[in-house]
Amino acid sequence: MAPADPRYRRLLLIDDEPGIRKLMALDLGADGYQVYTAADGAEGLEVFRRQRPDIVLTDLKMPGVDGIEVLRRIKQESPDTEVIVITGHGDLELAIQSLQLRASDFVCKPIDSRALEVALARATERLALRDQLRSYTQELEQRVAEATARVVAAERLAAIGQTVAALAHSIKNMLSGLKGGIYLVEEGLGKAEREVIDTGLDMLERNQRRLASLVRDLLTLSKPRRPELSPAPARELLAEAAECMQAEAEAKGVALELLPGGEELVCRVERAAIVDSLANLISNAIDAAATVEGGRVRLWVEEPQGEVHLVVDDNGPGLDQEALDHIFEGFYSSKGAAGTGLGLMVAQKNAREHGGRVEFDNRPGRGVTFRLVLPAADGRRTAETA
């Protein structure tokens, strides 16, 4: 067998029986592990402190410092090290005690190669998940630091005290989600429950996306900019944004539909900025439609009076008076802890930098229609632009 994950191939083998120790070391070495050996618990602890292996494989019954004590001391000094214990068939109580001391697994003598392979695979999987969790945490801490730095430096965000307080509240909510994800991953690792681990990782990824969106919105709002324009078919912009949001719509049970028409309309835009703005509008519409039975969001293109209207329409509950009062203000969101309130602000800023605007028609109890209005490009879509 090859190591389950080639990153974790350093292994310490502790066994007081020379024959077993030599044979296992040869087998594990042939399988790609870098094997260190020790003849008893005291020597094993010395080798461990010197080499810091990823995995420790130790016999339980040894003279002097036994395997239970080796396990206890290693977990005190290095909680993330994976320890697999070797026990006899009559030592079930010791095996259970070792699991209570956070051994990752145990194998019985005589050692079956398949059982050992499974135990090593579990140990390396736990090591990989811990590294993944550590990487998530470091990246998210960096994103939080970047977001905070951008807000402090953004002169355009007036009333800096109120802005920082609102941003801190948004980040605090995201960090709560991250802590929940970390807790679930650690619980899953401790109990070897893959479903709990996956749930925790999903929470981490979801909150990482929220932080990434927050940083991106803050960068957009931080200073005026002149977009780099190029011709783009209007309906394709809606289609690209819809594709980005399709998974979210399906997850929330909302029908997302791009209506036919407008294929010939062209506008000059910075594609990424407009698609991002449309995605914000569609995301808000999906959240609104998800609150009613038979929720749906429809998208289409219009061309009244030489303008191109990219339309996002939902059949949700509509906007209440409080939402109308704060419609394009930053850090106000009707989603509560799930939103930052920057989506509409970003969409409006991008539209204005393109010479356009964001409009809406509110229908209390029947939904909202948002329009991203852009100047039409000279001429319609031709065979060459297509």
Protein backbone atom coordinates (compact mmCIF):
# COMPACT_ATOMS: atom_id res chain seq x y z
CA MET A 1 0.00 0.00 0.00
CA ALA A 2 1.15 3.54 -0.73
CA PRO A 3 0.59 6.28 1.88
CA ALA A 4 -3.03 7.43 1.69
CA ASP A 5 -1.80 11.01 1.29
CA PRO A 6 1.81 11.44 0.14
CA ARG A 7 2.17 14.61 2.23
CA TYR A 8 2.04 12.64 5.48
CA ARG A 9 4.64 9.89 5.13
CA ARG A 10 6.76 10.42 8.28
CA LEU A 11 5.88 7.68 10.78
CA LEU A 12 7.24 6.62 14.18
CA LEU A 13 6.92 2.91 15.10
CA ILE A 14 7.27 2.00 18.80
CA ASP A 15 7.33 -1.72 19.69
CA ASP A 16 9.41 -3.68 22.20
CA GLU A 17 9.49 -6.84 20.07
CA PRO A 18 12.50 -6.58 17.73
CA GLY A 19 11.12 -9.01 15.14
CA ILE A 20 7.76 -7.27 14.79
CA ARG A 21 9.44 -3.86 14.81
CA LYS A 22 11.89 -4.78 12.05
CA LEU A 23 9.31 -6.50 9.84
CA MET A 24 6.78 -3.67 10.12
CA ALA A 25 9.46 -1.05 9.48
CA LEU A 26 10.51 -2.86 6.30
CA ASP A 27 6.90 -3.20 5.09
CA LEU A 28 6.01 0.42 5.82
CA GLY A 29 9.24 1.65 4.26
CA ALA A 30 8.51 -0.35 1.12
CA ASP A 31 5.07 1.28 1.02
CA GLY A 32 6.60 4.76 0.88
CA TYR A 33 6.67 5.79 4.52
CA GLN A 34 9.74 7.34 6.15
CA VAL A 35 9.91 5.15 9.25
CA TYR A 36 11.58 5.94 12.58
CA THR A 37 11.68 3.16 15.19
CA ALA A 38 11.97 2.90 18.97
CA ALA A 39 12.24 -0.15 21.23
CA ASP A 40 10.21 1.21 24.15
CA GLY A 41 8.05 4.10 25.24
CA ALA A 42 10.82 6.25 26.73
CA GLU A 43 12.94 5.98 23.57
CA GLY A 44 9.83 6.57 21.47
CA LEU A 45 9.12 9.88 23.21
CA GLU A 46 12.73 10.98 22.62
CA VAL A 47 12.50 10.13 18.91
CA PHE A 48 9.13 11.85 18.67
CA ARG A 49 10.46 15.10 20.14
CA ARG A 50 13.45 14.98 17.82
CA GLN A 51 11.72 14.05 14.54
CA ARG A 52 8.10 15.24 15.00
CA PRO A 53 6.54 12.58 12.74
CA ASP A 54 3.02 12.96 11.32
CA ILE A 55 1.82 9.58 12.62
CA VAL A 56 2.83 7.45 15.61
CA LEU A 57 2.18 3.70 15.64
CA THR A 58 2.72 2.36 19.17
CA ASP A 59 2.25 -0.93 21.00
CA LEU A 60 0.16 -0.61 24.17
CA LYS A 61 1.86 -3.17 26.41
CA MET A 62 5.54 -2.32 26.87
CA PRO A 63 7.82 -2.34 29.93
CA GLY A 64 8.44 1.02 31.60
CA VAL A 65 6.54 3.72 29.75
CA ASP A 66 3.61 1.89 28.16
CA GLY A 67 1.60 2.84 25.08
CA ILE A 68 -1.14 4.60 27.04
CA GLU A 69 1.41 6.91 28.65
CA VAL A 70 3.11 7.49 25.27
CA LEU A 71 -0.28 8.45 23.81
CA ARG A 72 -1.09 10.78 26.71
CA ARG A 73 2.24 12.63 26.51
CA ILE A 74 2.22 12.97 22.73
CA LYS A 75 -1.30 14.43 22.77
CA GLN A 76 -0.25 16.88 25.49
CA GLU A 77 2.74 18.07 23.46
CA SER A 78 1.26 17.84 19.95
CA PRO A 79 -2.55 17.44 19.86
CA ASP A 80 -2.63 17.24 16.04
CA THR A 81 -0.29 14.23 15.80
CA GLU A 82 -2.21 11.09 14.86
CA VAL A 83 -1.55 8.09 17.14
CA ILE A 84 -2.57 4.54 16.20
CA VAL A 85 -2.24 1.94 18.97
CA ILE A 86 -1.43 -1.77 18.60
CA THR A 87 -3.22 -4.06 21.02
CA GLY A 88 -3.81 -7.74 21.66
CA HIS A 89 -7.22 -9.34 21.24
CA GLY A 90 -7.72 -9.52 25.01
CA ASP A 91 -6.93 -5.84 25.61
CA LEU A 92 -10.22 -4.29 24.51
CA GLU A 93 -10.45 -2.11 27.63
CA LEU A 94 -7.04 -0.61 26.89
CA ALA A 95 -8.07 0.01 23.29
CA ILE A 96 -11.19 1.85 24.44
CA GLN A 97 -9.13 3.87 26.92
CA SER A 98 -6.76 4.86 24.10
CA LEU A 99 -9.67 6.12 22.00
CA GLN A 100 -10.85 8.20 24.97
CA LEU A 101 -7.37 9.74 25.02
CA ARG A 102 -7.87 10.73 21.35
CA ALA A 103 -6.02 7.93 19.59
CA SER A 104 -7.14 8.00 15.97
CA ASP A 105 -7.55 4.20 15.74
CA PHE A 106 -6.31 0.83 17.00
CA VAL A 107 -5.24 -2.40 15.29
CA CYS A 108 -5.07 -5.86 16.85
CA LYS A 109 -2.21 -8.36 16.88
CA PRO A 110 -1.47 -10.26 14.76
CA ILE A 111 -1.62 -7.19 12.53
CA ASP A 112 -3.72 -7.56 9.39
CA SER A 113 -2.26 -5.44 6.57
CA ARG A 114 -5.73 -4.36 5.40
CA ALA A 115 -6.74 -3.19 8.88
CA LEU A 116 -3.50 -1.24 9.19
CA GLU A 117 -4.03 0.31 5.75
CA VAL A 118 -7.51 1.52 6.77
CA ALA A 119 -6.18 2.94 10.06
CA LEU A 120 -3.38 4.81 8.28
CA ALA A 121 -5.82 6.13 5.66
CA ARG A 122 -8.07 7.50 8.41
CA ALA A 123 -5.12 9.12 10.14
CA THR A 124 -3.87 10.81 6.97
CA GLU A 125 -7.39 11.99 6.12
CA ARG A 126 -7.65 13.66 9.53
CA LEU A 127 -4.24 15.31 9.01
CA ALA A 128 -5.34 16.57 5.58
CA LEU A 129 -8.61 17.96 6.96
CA ARG A 130 -6.76 19.78 9.75
CA ASP A 131 -4.39 21.36 7.23
CA GLN A 132 -7.36 22.34 5.06
CA LEU A 133 -9.07 23.90 8.07
CA ARG A 134 -5.87 25.76 8.99
CA SER A 135 -5.57 27.05 5.43
CA TYR A 136 -9.20 28.23 5.44
CA THR A 137 -8.67 30.04 8.73
CA GLN A 138 -5.50 31.80 7.59
CA GLU A 139 -7.08 32.88 4.30
CA LEU A 140 -10.20 34.14 6.02
CA GLU A 141 -8.18 36.08 8.59
CA GLN A 142 -6.30 37.71 5.72
CA ARG A 143 -9.57 38.62 3.98
CA VAL A 144 -10.94 40.16 7.17
CA ALA A 145 -7.75 42.20 7.56
CA GLU A 146 -7.96 43.38 3.93
CA ALA A 147 -11.62 44.31 4.25
CA THR A 148 -10.99 46.27 7.44
CA ALA A 149 -8.00 48.08 5.92
CA ARG A 150 -10.01 49.04 2.84
CA VAL A 151 -12.82 50.51 4.91
CA VAL A 152 -10.45 52.56 7.04
CA ALA A 153 -8.76 53.93 3.89
CA ALA A 154 -11.97 54.66 1.95
CA GLU A 155 -12.53 58.42 2.04
CA ARG A 156 -15.73 58.08 0.06
CA LEU A 157 -17.47 56.28 2.89
CA ALA A 158 -18.81 59.20 4.89
CA ALA A 159 -19.55 59.04 8.59
CA ILE A 160 -16.60 56.77 9.15
CA GLY A 161 -17.60 55.84 12.70
CA GLN A 162 -21.00 54.54 11.62
CA THR A 163 -19.45 52.75 8.63
CA VAL A 164 -16.83 50.95 10.68
CA ALA A 165 -19.44 49.93 13.25
CA ALA A 166 -21.68 48.51 10.51
CA LEU A 167 -18.76 46.74 8.85
CA ALA A 168 -17.63 45.30 12.17
CA HIS A 169 -21.15 43.98 12.70
CA SER A 170 -21.13 42.33 9.25
CA ILE A 171 -17.71 40.78 9.82
CA LYS A 172 -18.74 39.63 13.29
CA ASN A 173 -21.68 37.75 11.78
CA MET A 174 -19.39 36.11 9.21
CA LEU A 175 -16.86 35.18 11.89
CA SER A 176 -19.65 33.56 13.90
CA GLY A 177 -20.38 31.41 10.85
CA LEU A 178 -16.70 30.57 10.53
CA LYS A 179 -16.44 29.62 14.19
CA GLY A 180 -19.48 27.38 13.78
CA GLY A 181 -17.87 25.69 10.78
CA ILE A 182 -14.58 25.20 12.64
CA TYR A 183 -16.45 23.74 15.61
CA LEU A 184 -18.28 21.24 13.40
CA VAL A 185 -15.09 20.20 11.62
CA GLU A 186 -13.32 19.65 14.94
CA GLU A 187 -16.30 17.69 16.28
CA GLY A 188 -16.37 15.58 13.13
CA LEU A 189 -12.65 14.94 13.36
CA GLY A 190 -12.95 13.92 17.00
CA LYS A 191 -15.80 11.51 16.28
CA ALA A 192 -14.66 10.43 12.80
CA GLU A 193 -18.05 11.52 11.38
CA ARG A 194 -17.57 12.55 7.76
CA GLU A 195 -21.06 14.04 7.44
CA VAL A 196 -20.38 16.48 10.31
CA ILE A 197 -17.00 17.37 8.78
CA ASP A 198 -18.62 18.08 5.39
CA THR A 199 -21.27 20.27 7.02
CA GLY A 200 -18.56 22.27 8.78
CA LEU A 201 -16.56 22.67 5.57
CA ASP A 202 -19.70 23.86 3.76
CA MET A 203 -20.18 26.53 6.45
CA LEU A 204 -16.56 27.62 6.07
CA GLU A 205 -16.81 27.84 2.29
CA ARG A 206 -20.12 29.72 2.44
CA ASN A 207 -18.75 32.33 4.84
CA GLN A 208 -15.52 32.58 2.87
CA ARG A 209 -17.61 33.48 -0.19
CA ARG A 210 -19.46 36.09 1.86
CA LEU A 211 -16.17 37.64 2.95
CA ALA A 212 -14.83 37.56 -0.61
CA SER A 213 -17.99 39.32 -1.79
CA LEU A 214 -17.65 41.92 0.96
CA VAL A 215 -14.03 42.66 0.00
CA ARG A 216 -14.95 42.89 -3.69
CA ASP A 217 -17.83 45.29 -2.97
CA LEU A 218 -15.65 47.48 -0.76
CA LEU A 219 -13.02 47.67 -3.48
CA THR A 220 -15.69 48.72 -5.99
CA LEU A 221 -17.01 51.42 -3.66
CA SER A 222 -13.64 52.67 -2.43
CA LYS A 223 -12.93 55.10 -5.30
CA PRO A 224 -14.33 56.39 -8.59
CA ARG A 225 -13.12 54.61 -11.69
CA ARG A 226 -13.57 54.76 -15.44
CA PRO A 227 -14.71 51.39 -16.82
CA GLU A 228 -12.96 49.88 -19.82
CA LEU A 229 -15.79 49.57 -22.33
CA SER A 230 -16.29 47.05 -25.11
CA PRO A 231 -19.42 45.93 -27.03
CA ALA A 232 -21.42 43.16 -25.40
CA PRO A 233 -24.79 41.62 -26.31
CA ALA A 234 -27.17 42.67 -23.53
CA ARG A 235 -28.93 39.30 -23.29
CA GLU A 236 -25.57 37.51 -22.90
CA LEU A 237 -24.81 39.65 -19.84
CA LEU A 238 -28.07 38.53 -18.24
CA ALA A 239 -27.41 34.93 -19.24
CA GLU A 240 -23.93 34.96 -17.67
CA ALA A 241 -25.23 36.44 -14.40
CA ALA A 242 -28.10 33.93 -14.38
CA GLU A 243 -25.67 31.05 -14.81
CA CYS A 244 -23.69 32.30 -11.80
CA MET A 245 -26.84 32.38 -9.65
CA GLN A 246 -28.54 29.19 -10.88
CA ALA A 247 -27.18 27.01 -8.07
CA GLU A 248 -28.39 29.49 -5.42
CA ALA A 249 -31.85 29.60 -7.00
CA GLU A 250 -32.09 25.80 -7.07
CA ALA A 251 -30.91 25.53 -3.46
CA LYS A 252 -33.69 27.92 -2.36
CA GLY A 253 -36.39 26.35 -4.53
CA VAL A 254 -36.79 29.38 -6.80
CA ALA A 255 -37.40 29.12 -10.56
CA LEU A 256 -34.90 31.33 -12.42
CA GLU A 257 -35.91 32.02 -16.03
CA LEU A 258 -34.32 34.09 -18.82
CA LEU A 259 -37.09 35.14 -21.20
CA PRO A 260 -36.52 35.26 -24.97
CA GLY A 261 -36.08 38.53 -26.86
CA GLY A 262 -33.54 41.30 -27.14
CA GLU A 263 -30.89 39.13 -28.78
CA GLU A 264 -29.96 41.96 -31.16
CA LEU A 265 -29.35 44.62 -28.46
CA VAL A 266 -25.76 45.65 -27.74
CA CYS A 267 -24.33 47.94 -25.06
CA ARG A 268 -20.79 49.10 -24.36
CA VAL A 269 -19.77 47.92 -20.90
CA GLU A 270 -17.05 46.57 -18.71
CA ARG A 271 -18.41 43.06 -18.72
CA ALA A 272 -17.24 41.85 -15.31
CA ALA A 273 -18.63 44.91 -13.48
CA ILE A 274 -22.07 44.68 -15.09
CA VAL A 275 -22.33 40.90 -14.63
CA ASP A 276 -21.40 41.36 -10.96
CA SER A 277 -24.08 44.05 -10.58
CA LEU A 278 -26.69 41.83 -12.23
CA ALA A 279 -25.71 38.95 -9.98
CA ASN A 280 -26.34 41.18 -6.94
CA LEU A 281 -29.80 42.11 -8.25
CA ILE A 282 -30.62 38.46 -9.04
CA SER A 283 -29.41 37.32 -5.61
CA ASN A 284 -31.71 39.83 -3.89
CA ALA A 285 -34.61 38.72 -6.10
CA ILE A 286 -33.98 35.04 -5.29
CA ASP A 287 -33.97 35.79 -1.55
CA ALA A 288 -37.29 37.64 -1.89
CA ALA A 289 -38.92 34.95 -4.06
CA ALA A 290 -37.76 32.22 -1.66
CA THR A 291 -40.13 33.59 0.99
CA VAL A 292 -43.27 32.77 -1.01
CA GLU A 293 -44.69 29.55 -2.37
CA GLY A 294 -43.93 29.11 -6.07
CA GLY A 295 -41.15 31.69 -5.96
CA ARG A 296 -39.77 32.71 -9.33
CA VAL A 297 -37.37 35.25 -10.82
CA ARG A 298 -37.62 36.30 -14.46
CA LEU A 299 -34.99 38.13 -16.51
CA TRP A 300 -35.40 39.94 -19.82
CA VAL A 301 -34.06 42.79 -21.98
CA GLU A 302 -35.94 45.93 -23.07
CA GLU A 303 -35.01 48.90 -25.29
CA PRO A 304 -37.16 51.95 -24.57
CA GLN A 305 -36.01 55.30 -26.05
CA GLY A 306 -32.48 54.34 -27.03
CA GLU A 307 -31.58 52.72 -23.71
CA VAL A 308 -30.99 49.09 -22.82
CA HIS A 309 -32.86 47.84 -19.73
CA LEU A 310 -31.60 44.64 -18.11
CA VAL A 311 -34.62 43.58 -16.07
CA VAL A 312 -34.76 41.41 -12.93
CA ASP A 313 -38.32 40.68 -11.74
CA ASP A 314 -39.46 38.61 -8.72
CA ASN A 315 -42.83 37.61 -7.28
CA GLY A 316 -41.79 38.03 -3.65
CA PRO A 317 -43.50 40.13 -0.97
CA GLY A 318 -42.20 43.47 -2.28
CA LEU A 319 -40.34 46.14 -0.30
CA ASP A 320 -41.68 47.48 2.98
CA GLN A 321 -41.40 51.15 3.90
CA GLU A 322 -38.18 50.70 5.88
CA ALA A 323 -36.48 48.99 2.93
CA LEU A 324 -37.69 51.76 0.60
CA ASP A 325 -36.27 54.41 2.94
CA HIS A 326 -32.80 52.81 2.81
CA ILE A 327 -32.89 51.26 -0.67
CA PHE A 328 -29.46 52.41 -1.93
CA GLU A 329 -27.74 52.98 1.42
CA GLY A 330 -24.70 50.94 2.40
CA PHE A 331 -24.83 48.49 5.30
CA TYR A 332 -28.62 48.33 5.37
CA SER A 333 -30.00 44.91 4.48
CA SER A 334 -33.44 43.34 4.81
CA LYS A 335 -31.64 39.96 4.99
CA GLY A 336 -30.45 40.61 8.54
CA ALA A 337 -27.18 38.87 9.38
CA ALA A 338 -27.05 37.20 5.97
CA GLY A 339 -26.46 40.46 4.03
CA THR A 340 -24.11 43.47 4.06
CA GLY A 341 -26.40 45.91 2.26
CA LEU A 342 -23.73 46.73 -0.33
CA GLY A 343 -25.20 44.88 -3.32
CA LEU A 344 -27.57 47.62 -4.55
CA MET A 345 -25.03 50.30 -3.71
CA VAL A 346 -22.44 48.53 -5.91
CA ALA A 347 -24.95 48.03 -8.73
CA GLN A 348 -25.91 51.71 -8.67
CA LYS A 349 -22.27 52.85 -8.66
CA ASN A 350 -21.35 50.57 -11.56
CA ALA A 351 -24.40 51.72 -13.54
CA ARG A 352 -23.60 55.41 -13.03
CA GLU A 353 -19.98 54.90 -14.07
CA HIS A 354 -21.39 53.47 -17.33
CA GLY A 355 -23.65 56.50 -17.79
CA GLY A 356 -26.71 54.60 -16.56
CA ARG A 357 -28.69 53.97 -13.38
CA VAL A 358 -30.67 51.41 -11.38
CA GLU A 359 -34.46 51.82 -11.25
CA PHE A 360 -37.15 49.76 -9.54
CA ASP A 361 -40.92 49.29 -9.44
CA ASN A 362 -42.26 48.08 -6.11
CA ARG A 363 -45.49 46.04 -6.00
CA PRO A 364 -46.34 45.40 -2.31
CA GLY A 365 -47.40 41.79 -1.90
CA ARG A 366 -46.57 40.98 -5.54
CA GLY A 367 -42.85 41.54 -5.96
CA VAL A 368 -40.29 44.05 -7.26
CA THR A 369 -38.89 44.78 -10.72
CA PHE A 370 -35.32 46.14 -10.86
CA ARG A 371 -33.86 47.58 -14.07
CA LEU A 372 -30.16 48.11 -14.73
CA VAL A 373 -30.36 50.89 -17.32
CA LEU A 374 -27.44 51.39 -19.74
CA PRO A 375 -26.95 53.55 -22.84
CA ALA A 376 -27.44 51.53 -26.01
CA ALA A 377 -24.38 51.10 -28.23
CA ASP A 378 -24.50 52.64 -31.70
CA GLY A 379 -26.33 50.20 -33.95
CA ARG A 380 -27.75 46.80 -33.10
CA ARG A 381 -26.03 43.48 -32.91
CA THR A 382 -24.72 42.51 -36.34
CA ALA A 383 -23.28 39.30 -37.72
CA GLU A 384 -19.80 40.73 -37.10
CA THR A 385 -20.41 41.56 -33.42
CA ALA A 386 -22.10 38.21 -32.94
